[in-house]
């Protein structure tokens, strides 16, 4: 669950306090939970800009707007749709024989390990 990982990362870097972290963890472990964890953080008063900057500085994770990306069908075809859908990834480009992906859930590193091929 990437919400838990995101809360842990933001707490470890001092972006949120222990109370906010515990509130977020309680919300995202609720059986009726269906919100994006970033939206939960924003509801708790953490700005998107702070979340984005913290992940960039501390974890080297960039946020991109896919509506601004020119999709290359040749690159997209390199990744099976089922895999892309399962791991919520989108192939962006190839540089030096490395396929760069956009991930809806960048904190799930296990997905990257499974995509190693």
C-alpha atoms as a PDB file:
ATOM      1  CA  UNK A   1       0.000   0.000   0.000  1.00  0.00           C
ATOM      2  CA  UNK A   2       1.737   3.141  -1.161  1.00  0.00           C
ATOM      3  CA  UNK A   3      -0.141   5.432   1.225  1.00  0.00           C
ATOM      4  CA  UNK A   4       1.609   3.869   4.198  1.00  0.00           C
ATOM      5  CA  UNK A   5       4.987   4.146   2.487  1.00  0.00           C
ATOM      6  CA  UNK A   6       4.315   7.752   1.515  1.00  0.00           C
ATOM      7  CA  UNK A   7       3.330   8.673   5.092  1.00  0.00           C
ATOM      8  CA  UNK A   8       6.459   6.970   6.429  1.00  0.00           C
ATOM      9  CA  UNK A   9       8.724   8.815   3.967  1.00  0.00           C
ATOM     10  CA  UNK A  10       7.156  12.201   4.710  1.00  0.00           C
ATOM     11  CA  UNK A  11       7.370  11.565   8.451  1.00  0.00           C
ATOM     12  CA  UNK A  12      10.995  10.431   8.282  1.00  0.00           C
ATOM     13  CA  UNK A  13      11.943  13.671   6.522  1.00  0.00           C
ATOM     14  CA  UNK A  14       9.998  15.875   8.947  1.00  0.00           C
ATOM     15  CA  UNK A  15       7.300  16.930   6.493  1.00  0.00           C
ATOM     16  CA  UNK A  16       4.514  15.610   8.745  1.00  0.00           C
ATOM     17  CA  UNK A  17       4.422  15.046  12.492  1.00  0.00           C
ATOM     18  CA  UNK A  18       3.620  11.775  14.272  1.00  0.00           C
ATOM     19  CA  UNK A  19      -0.003  12.781  14.853  1.00  0.00           C
ATOM     20  CA  UNK A  20      -0.597  13.485  11.171  1.00  0.00           C
ATOM     21  CA  UNK A  21       1.165  10.254  10.219  1.00  0.00           C
ATOM     22  CA  UNK A  22      -1.020   8.235  12.594  1.00  0.00           C
ATOM     23  CA  UNK A  23      -4.179   9.975  11.329  1.00  0.00           C
ATOM     24  CA  UNK A  24      -3.234   9.201   7.740  1.00  0.00           C
ATOM     25  CA  UNK A  25      -2.436   5.564   8.526  1.00  0.00           C
ATOM     26  CA  UNK A  26      -5.775   5.196  10.314  1.00  0.00           C
ATOM     27  CA  UNK A  27      -7.649   6.665   7.345  1.00  0.00           C
ATOM     28  CA  UNK A  28      -5.917   4.559   4.698  1.00  0.00           C
ATOM     29  CA  UNK A  29      -6.310   1.311   6.642  1.00  0.00           C
ATOM     30  CA  UNK A  30     -10.067   1.869   7.016  1.00  0.00           C
ATOM     31  CA  UNK A  31     -12.029  -0.747   5.063  1.00  0.00           C
ATOM     32  CA  UNK A  32     -14.005   2.006   3.314  1.00  0.00           C
ATOM     33  CA  UNK A  33     -10.871   3.881   2.262  1.00  0.00           C
ATOM     34  CA  UNK A  34     -10.939   4.823  -1.383  1.00  0.00           C
ATOM     35  CA  UNK A  35      -9.036   8.116  -1.539  1.00  0.00           C
ATOM     36  CA  UNK A  36      -5.651   8.703  -3.054  1.00  0.00           C
ATOM     37  CA  UNK A  37      -3.145   9.060  -0.171  1.00  0.00           C
ATOM     38  CA  UNK A  38      -1.937  12.368  -1.590  1.00  0.00           C
ATOM     39  CA  UNK A  39      -5.506  13.679  -1.324  1.00  0.00           C
ATOM     40  CA  UNK A  40      -5.633  12.489   2.306  1.00  0.00           C
ATOM     41  CA  UNK A  41      -2.408  14.378   3.021  1.00  0.00           C
ATOM     42  CA  UNK A  42      -3.803  17.501   1.378  1.00  0.00           C
ATOM     43  CA  UNK A  43      -6.985  17.198   3.476  1.00  0.00           C
ATOM     44  CA  UNK A  44      -4.708  17.045   6.528  1.00  0.00           C
ATOM     45  CA  UNK A  45      -3.138  20.359   5.516  1.00  0.00           C
ATOM     46  CA  UNK A  46      -0.017  19.200   3.665  1.00  0.00           C
ATOM     47  CA  UNK A  47       0.285  21.079   0.379  1.00  0.00           C
ATOM     48  CA  UNK A  48       0.856  19.210  -2.851  1.00  0.00           C
ATOM     49  CA  UNK A  49       3.900  21.396  -3.504  1.00  0.00           C
ATOM     50  CA  UNK A  50       5.462  20.320  -0.194  1.00  0.00           C
ATOM     51  CA  UNK A  51       4.765  16.647  -0.931  1.00  0.00           C
ATOM     52  CA  UNK A  52       6.176  16.996  -4.431  1.00  0.00           C
ATOM     53  CA  UNK A  53       9.292  18.902  -3.328  1.00  0.00           C
ATOM     54  CA  UNK A  54       9.959  16.543  -0.421  1.00  0.00           C
ATOM     55  CA  UNK A  55       9.829  13.473  -2.669  1.00  0.00           C
ATOM     56  CA  UNK A  56      12.029  15.193  -5.256  1.00  0.00           C
ATOM     57  CA  UNK A  57      14.692  16.282  -2.765  1.00  0.00           C
ATOM     58  CA  UNK A  58      14.665  13.245  -0.490  1.00  0.00           C
ATOM     59  CA  UNK A  59      13.799  10.386  -2.845  1.00  0.00           C
ATOM     60  CA  UNK A  60      14.708  11.745  -6.298  1.00  0.00           C
ATOM     61  CA  UNK A  61      11.110  11.281  -7.479  1.00  0.00           C
ATOM     62  CA  UNK A  62       9.826  13.767 -10.069  1.00  0.00           C
ATOM     63  CA  UNK A  63       6.168  14.485 -10.706  1.00  0.00           C
ATOM     64  CA  UNK A  64       5.125  14.898 -14.312  1.00  0.00           C
ATOM     65  CA  UNK A  65       1.869  15.768 -15.996  1.00  0.00           C
ATOM     66  CA  UNK A  66       1.193  13.019 -18.532  1.00  0.00           C
ATOM     67  CA  UNK A  67      -1.152  15.312 -20.445  1.00  0.00           C
ATOM     68  CA  UNK A  68       1.977  17.253 -21.437  1.00  0.00           C
ATOM     69  CA  UNK A  69       3.798  14.159 -22.760  1.00  0.00           C
ATOM     70  CA  UNK A  70       3.848  13.303 -26.454  1.00  0.00           C
ATOM     71  CA  UNK A  71       3.229   9.574 -26.387  1.00  0.00           C
ATOM     72  CA  UNK A  72       5.446   7.545 -28.728  1.00  0.00           C
ATOM     73  CA  UNK A  73       3.604   4.422 -29.902  1.00  0.00           C
ATOM     74  CA  UNK A  74       6.913   2.600 -30.438  1.00  0.00           C
ATOM     75  CA  UNK A  75       7.901   3.173 -26.800  1.00  0.00           C
ATOM     76  CA  UNK A  76       4.421   2.354 -25.494  1.00  0.00           C
ATOM     77  CA  UNK A  77       4.433  -0.948 -27.399  1.00  0.00           C
ATOM     78  CA  UNK A  78       7.551  -2.083 -25.502  1.00  0.00           C
ATOM     79  CA  UNK A  79       5.525  -2.717 -22.359  1.00  0.00           C
ATOM     80  CA  UNK A  80       2.656  -5.178 -22.284  1.00  0.00           C
ATOM     81  CA  UNK A  81      -0.625  -3.432 -21.482  1.00  0.00           C
ATOM     82  CA  UNK A  82      -1.438  -5.930 -18.717  1.00  0.00           C
ATOM     83  CA  UNK A  83       1.837  -5.191 -16.941  1.00  0.00           C
ATOM     84  CA  UNK A  84       1.437  -1.442 -17.405  1.00  0.00           C
ATOM     85  CA  UNK A  85      -2.077  -1.615 -16.001  1.00  0.00           C
ATOM     86  CA  UNK A  86      -1.196  -3.931 -13.107  1.00  0.00           C
ATOM     87  CA  UNK A  87       1.686  -1.734 -11.898  1.00  0.00           C
ATOM     88  CA  UNK A  88       0.190   1.624 -12.982  1.00  0.00           C
ATOM     89  CA  UNK A  89       3.172   2.527 -15.124  1.00  0.00           C
ATOM     90  CA  UNK A  90       3.510   4.368 -18.428  1.00  0.00           C
ATOM     91  CA  UNK A  91       6.558   4.049 -20.710  1.00  0.00           C
ATOM     92  CA  UNK A  92       8.031   7.490 -21.389  1.00  0.00           C
ATOM     93  CA  UNK A  93      11.309   7.118 -23.255  1.00  0.00           C
ATOM     94  CA  UNK A  94      14.441   5.048 -23.731  1.00  0.00           C
ATOM     95  CA  UNK A  95      17.864   6.480 -22.896  1.00  0.00           C
ATOM     96  CA  UNK A  96      21.044   4.383 -22.993  1.00  0.00           C
ATOM     97  CA  UNK A  97      18.996   1.177 -23.280  1.00  0.00           C
ATOM     98  CA  UNK A  98      16.997   2.090 -20.135  1.00  0.00           C
ATOM     99  CA  UNK A  99      13.214   2.315 -20.360  1.00  0.00           C
ATOM    100  CA  UNK A 100      12.034   5.274 -18.265  1.00  0.00           C
ATOM    101  CA  UNK A 101       8.598   4.854 -16.728  1.00  0.00           C
ATOM    102  CA  UNK A 102       6.089   7.176 -15.149  1.00  0.00           C
ATOM    103  CA  UNK A 103       4.508   5.500 -12.145  1.00  0.00           C
ATOM    104  CA  UNK A 104       1.245   6.410 -10.472  1.00  0.00           C
ATOM    105  CA  UNK A 105       2.675   4.881  -7.302  1.00  0.00           C
ATOM    106  CA  UNK A 106       6.395   5.680  -7.355  1.00  0.00           C
ATOM    107  CA  UNK A 107       7.052   4.532  -3.813  1.00  0.00           C
ATOM    108  CA  UNK A 108       6.375   0.890  -4.591  1.00  0.00           C
ATOM    109  CA  UNK A 109       9.867  -0.250  -5.442  1.00  0.00           C
ATOM    110  CA  UNK A 110       8.767  -3.895  -5.643  1.00  0.00           C
ATOM    111  CA  UNK A 111       7.006  -2.972  -8.872  1.00  0.00           C
ATOM    112  CA  UNK A 112      10.297  -1.859 -10.331  1.00  0.00           C
ATOM    113  CA  UNK A 113      11.911  -5.110  -9.309  1.00  0.00           C
ATOM    114  CA  UNK A 114       9.164  -7.106 -11.041  1.00  0.00           C
ATOM    115  CA  UNK A 115       9.519  -4.992 -14.176  1.00  0.00           C
ATOM    116  CA  UNK A 116      13.239  -5.713 -14.417  1.00  0.00           C
ATOM    117  CA  UNK A 117      13.574  -7.658 -17.641  1.00  0.00           C
END
